[in-house]
Amino acid sequence: MALGVTGCTRFTATLGVDAETAGRGSVVFSLVADGVTVYTSPTVTSTSPVQVDATIGGRTTLHLVVADAGDGKDYDHADWADARLLC
């Protein structure tokens, strides 16, 4: 997504795997700003959500990336909950 707003300094969210997967599925989240990875999560499951608070000051594009954590993509229903740009 193009940020389109000057002065945004941080991106925050709660990252997890949707509860509908009944404890199955695992993913790794990454945040890429202007082609540079500014955050990579540990392996996330439906029982281990994580918080991200990444610095993005001076960036113009932001990509939210989800990858399989090595056990196949079945049940990898990734959630970027309460995602916010702080400007």
N, C-alpha and C. Protein backbone atom coordinates (compact mmCIF):
# COMPACT_ATOMS: atom_id res chain seq x y z
N MET A 1 0.84 -1.16 0.00
CA MET A 1 0.00 0.00 0.00
C MET A 1 0.89 1.23 0.00
N ALA A 2 0.49 2.25 -0.68
CA ALA A 2 1.22 3.51 -0.61
C ALA A 2 0.74 4.24 0.63
N LEU A 3 1.67 4.70 1.44
CA LEU A 3 1.28 5.36 2.68
C LEU A 3 0.50 6.63 2.40
N GLY A 4 0.96 7.44 1.47
CA GLY A 4 0.22 8.61 1.06
C GLY A 4 0.07 9.68 2.13
N VAL A 5 0.66 9.49 3.28
CA VAL A 5 0.54 10.47 4.36
C VAL A 5 1.95 10.76 4.86
N THR A 6 2.35 12.02 4.74
CA THR A 6 3.68 12.36 5.27
C THR A 6 3.60 12.40 6.78
N GLY A 7 4.68 12.07 7.40
CA GLY A 7 4.75 12.15 8.85
C GLY A 7 4.39 10.87 9.58
N CYS A 8 4.04 9.79 8.89
CA CYS A 8 3.78 8.53 9.58
C CYS A 8 5.11 7.97 10.09
N THR A 9 5.13 7.61 11.36
CA THR A 9 6.39 7.19 11.96
C THR A 9 6.39 5.74 12.42
N ARG A 10 5.19 5.18 12.69
CA ARG A 10 5.13 3.81 13.22
C ARG A 10 3.95 3.05 12.64
N PHE A 11 4.12 1.73 12.61
CA PHE A 11 3.04 0.80 12.26
C PHE A 11 2.89 -0.14 13.44
N THR A 12 1.66 -0.31 13.92
CA THR A 12 1.42 -1.23 15.03
C THR A 12 0.29 -2.19 14.65
N ALA A 13 0.32 -3.39 15.22
CA ALA A 13 -0.74 -4.38 15.00
C ALA A 13 -0.54 -5.55 15.95
N THR A 14 -1.59 -6.34 16.09
CA THR A 14 -1.51 -7.63 16.76
C THR A 14 -1.57 -8.68 15.67
N LEU A 15 -0.59 -9.56 15.63
CA LEU A 15 -0.47 -10.55 14.56
C LEU A 15 -0.83 -11.93 15.10
N GLY A 16 -1.63 -12.67 14.33
CA GLY A 16 -2.00 -14.00 14.79
C GLY A 16 -2.55 -14.87 13.68
N VAL A 17 -2.86 -16.10 14.03
CA VAL A 17 -3.53 -17.03 13.13
C VAL A 17 -4.97 -17.14 13.63
N ASP A 18 -5.92 -17.04 12.73
CA ASP A 18 -7.33 -17.02 13.08
C ASP A 18 -7.73 -18.23 13.92
N ALA A 19 -8.55 -18.00 14.92
CA ALA A 19 -9.00 -19.06 15.83
C ALA A 19 -9.80 -20.15 15.11
N GLU A 20 -10.36 -19.83 13.94
CA GLU A 20 -11.15 -20.83 13.20
C GLU A 20 -10.31 -22.04 12.77
N THR A 21 -9.01 -21.95 12.89
CA THR A 21 -8.14 -23.06 12.47
C THR A 21 -7.99 -24.13 13.53
N ALA A 22 -8.63 -23.94 14.68
CA ALA A 22 -8.61 -24.92 15.78
C ALA A 22 -7.19 -25.31 16.19
N GLY A 23 -6.31 -24.31 16.28
CA GLY A 23 -4.95 -24.56 16.75
C GLY A 23 -3.99 -25.03 15.67
N ARG A 24 -4.46 -25.15 14.45
CA ARG A 24 -3.57 -25.56 13.36
C ARG A 24 -3.13 -24.32 12.59
N GLY A 25 -2.08 -24.44 11.84
CA GLY A 25 -1.55 -23.34 11.04
C GLY A 25 -0.48 -22.57 11.78
N SER A 26 0.51 -22.13 11.02
CA SER A 26 1.59 -21.31 11.57
C SER A 26 2.17 -20.47 10.44
N VAL A 27 2.49 -19.23 10.77
CA VAL A 27 2.96 -18.28 9.77
C VAL A 27 4.09 -17.43 10.33
N VAL A 28 4.77 -16.73 9.43
CA VAL A 28 5.75 -15.70 9.78
C VAL A 28 5.30 -14.42 9.08
N PHE A 29 5.20 -13.35 9.83
CA PHE A 29 4.80 -12.05 9.30
C PHE A 29 6.04 -11.20 9.05
N SER A 30 5.99 -10.40 7.98
CA SER A 30 7.06 -9.43 7.71
C SER A 30 6.43 -8.12 7.29
N LEU A 31 7.09 -7.05 7.61
CA LEU A 31 6.70 -5.71 7.22
C LEU A 31 7.84 -5.15 6.38
N VAL A 32 7.54 -4.79 5.14
CA VAL A 32 8.55 -4.31 4.21
C VAL A 32 8.21 -2.87 3.84
N ALA A 33 9.12 -1.95 4.11
CA ALA A 33 8.92 -0.53 3.82
C ALA A 33 9.97 -0.08 2.82
N ASP A 34 9.51 0.42 1.67
CA ASP A 34 10.41 0.86 0.60
C ASP A 34 11.42 -0.23 0.24
N GLY A 35 10.98 -1.48 0.22
CA GLY A 35 11.83 -2.59 -0.19
C GLY A 35 12.76 -3.12 0.89
N VAL A 36 12.68 -2.56 2.10
CA VAL A 36 13.54 -2.98 3.20
C VAL A 36 12.67 -3.66 4.27
N THR A 37 13.04 -4.85 4.68
CA THR A 37 12.30 -5.54 5.74
C THR A 37 12.62 -4.86 7.06
N VAL A 38 11.58 -4.27 7.67
CA VAL A 38 11.77 -3.55 8.93
C VAL A 38 11.27 -4.36 10.13
N TYR A 39 10.58 -5.48 9.86
CA TYR A 39 10.13 -6.34 10.95
C TYR A 39 9.87 -7.74 10.41
N THR A 40 10.30 -8.75 11.15
CA THR A 40 9.96 -10.14 10.88
C THR A 40 9.60 -10.78 12.22
N SER A 41 8.45 -11.43 12.25
CA SER A 41 7.98 -12.04 13.49
C SER A 41 8.62 -13.40 13.71
N PRO A 42 8.54 -13.89 14.94
CA PRO A 42 8.83 -15.31 15.14
C PRO A 42 7.67 -16.10 14.54
N THR A 43 7.74 -17.42 14.56
CA THR A 43 6.62 -18.23 14.09
C THR A 43 5.41 -17.95 14.97
N VAL A 44 4.28 -17.68 14.32
CA VAL A 44 3.05 -17.31 15.02
C VAL A 44 2.00 -18.40 14.79
N THR A 45 1.30 -18.78 15.85
CA THR A 45 0.20 -19.74 15.76
C THR A 45 -1.06 -19.10 16.35
N SER A 46 -2.16 -19.85 16.34
CA SER A 46 -3.40 -19.29 16.89
C SER A 46 -3.32 -19.12 18.40
N THR A 47 -2.38 -19.76 19.04
CA THR A 47 -2.24 -19.63 20.50
C THR A 47 -1.07 -18.73 20.90
N SER A 48 -0.38 -18.15 19.91
CA SER A 48 0.79 -17.32 20.24
C SER A 48 0.81 -16.02 19.43
N PRO A 49 -0.22 -15.16 19.57
CA PRO A 49 -0.19 -13.89 18.84
C PRO A 49 0.98 -13.03 19.32
N VAL A 50 1.42 -12.12 18.47
CA VAL A 50 2.51 -11.21 18.83
C VAL A 50 2.12 -9.78 18.47
N GLN A 51 2.78 -8.84 19.11
CA GLN A 51 2.58 -7.42 18.85
C GLN A 51 3.72 -6.93 17.97
N VAL A 52 3.38 -6.06 17.02
CA VAL A 52 4.42 -5.40 16.23
C VAL A 52 4.29 -3.89 16.45
N ASP A 53 5.41 -3.24 16.62
CA ASP A 53 5.49 -1.78 16.71
C ASP A 53 6.77 -1.41 15.96
N ALA A 54 6.62 -1.13 14.66
CA ALA A 54 7.77 -0.93 13.79
C ALA A 54 7.91 0.54 13.39
N THR A 55 9.14 1.01 13.35
CA THR A 55 9.44 2.36 12.91
C THR A 55 9.42 2.40 11.38
N ILE A 56 8.65 3.34 10.82
CA ILE A 56 8.55 3.46 9.36
C ILE A 56 8.75 4.90 8.90
N GLY A 57 9.28 5.75 9.75
CA GLY A 57 9.46 7.16 9.42
C GLY A 57 10.25 7.35 8.13
N GLY A 58 9.78 8.26 7.28
CA GLY A 58 10.46 8.58 6.04
C GLY A 58 10.17 7.61 4.90
N ARG A 59 9.38 6.58 5.14
CA ARG A 59 9.05 5.59 4.10
C ARG A 59 7.82 6.02 3.32
N THR A 60 7.71 5.52 2.07
CA THR A 60 6.56 5.88 1.24
C THR A 60 5.69 4.69 0.86
N THR A 61 6.22 3.48 0.92
CA THR A 61 5.41 2.29 0.63
C THR A 61 5.55 1.29 1.77
N LEU A 62 4.50 0.52 1.95
CA LEU A 62 4.48 -0.46 3.02
C LEU A 62 3.80 -1.72 2.50
N HIS A 63 4.47 -2.86 2.66
CA HIS A 63 3.91 -4.15 2.25
C HIS A 63 3.80 -5.06 3.46
N LEU A 64 2.61 -5.62 3.66
CA LEU A 64 2.36 -6.58 4.72
C LEU A 64 2.49 -7.96 4.11
N VAL A 65 3.44 -8.75 4.58
CA VAL A 65 3.78 -10.03 3.97
C VAL A 65 3.56 -11.15 4.98
N VAL A 66 2.94 -12.25 4.51
CA VAL A 66 2.76 -13.44 5.35
C VAL A 66 3.36 -14.62 4.60
N ALA A 67 4.16 -15.42 5.30
CA ALA A 67 4.79 -16.59 4.70
C ALA A 67 4.47 -17.83 5.54
N ASP A 68 4.47 -18.95 4.89
CA ASP A 68 4.31 -20.24 5.55
C ASP A 68 5.50 -20.45 6.49
N ALA A 69 5.24 -21.03 7.65
CA ALA A 69 6.31 -21.24 8.63
C ALA A 69 6.98 -22.59 8.48
N GLY A 70 6.83 -23.22 7.32
CA GLY A 70 7.56 -24.46 7.05
C GLY A 70 6.75 -25.74 7.18
N ASP A 71 5.47 -25.63 7.55
CA ASP A 71 4.66 -26.84 7.72
C ASP A 71 3.51 -26.92 6.71
N GLY A 72 3.63 -26.23 5.60
CA GLY A 72 2.58 -26.20 4.59
C GLY A 72 1.63 -25.04 4.83
N LYS A 73 0.88 -24.68 3.81
CA LYS A 73 0.03 -23.49 3.91
C LYS A 73 -1.39 -23.78 4.39
N ASP A 74 -1.75 -25.05 4.58
CA ASP A 74 -3.07 -25.37 5.09
C ASP A 74 -3.26 -24.72 6.45
N TYR A 75 -4.40 -24.10 6.65
CA TYR A 75 -4.79 -23.45 7.91
C TYR A 75 -4.01 -22.18 8.23
N ASP A 76 -3.25 -21.67 7.31
CA ASP A 76 -2.48 -20.44 7.55
C ASP A 76 -3.36 -19.21 7.30
N HIS A 77 -4.32 -18.99 8.18
CA HIS A 77 -5.27 -17.87 8.07
C HIS A 77 -4.74 -16.72 8.92
N ALA A 78 -3.88 -15.92 8.34
CA ALA A 78 -3.17 -14.87 9.08
C ALA A 78 -4.06 -13.64 9.30
N ASP A 79 -3.94 -13.05 10.48
CA ASP A 79 -4.69 -11.86 10.84
C ASP A 79 -3.73 -10.74 11.26
N TRP A 80 -3.96 -9.55 10.67
CA TRP A 80 -3.27 -8.33 11.08
C TRP A 80 -4.32 -7.52 11.86
N ALA A 81 -4.53 -7.83 13.12
CA ALA A 81 -5.60 -7.21 13.89
C ALA A 81 -5.20 -5.82 14.39
N ASP A 82 -6.17 -4.92 14.38
CA ASP A 82 -5.99 -3.57 14.90
C ASP A 82 -4.78 -2.87 14.28
N ALA A 83 -4.55 -3.10 12.98
CA ALA A 83 -3.40 -2.49 12.28
C ALA A 83 -3.58 -0.98 12.21
N ARG A 84 -2.52 -0.25 12.55
CA ARG A 84 -2.60 1.22 12.58
C ARG A 84 -1.30 1.85 12.09
N LEU A 85 -1.48 2.93 11.35
CA LEU A 85 -0.37 3.83 11.02
C LEU A 85 -0.43 4.97 12.01
N LEU A 86 0.66 5.28 12.65
CA LEU A 86 0.70 6.39 13.59
C LEU A 86 1.41 7.56 12.91
N CYS A 87 0.64 8.61 12.67
CA CYS A 87 1.15 9.75 11.90
C CYS A 87 1.09 11.02 12.74
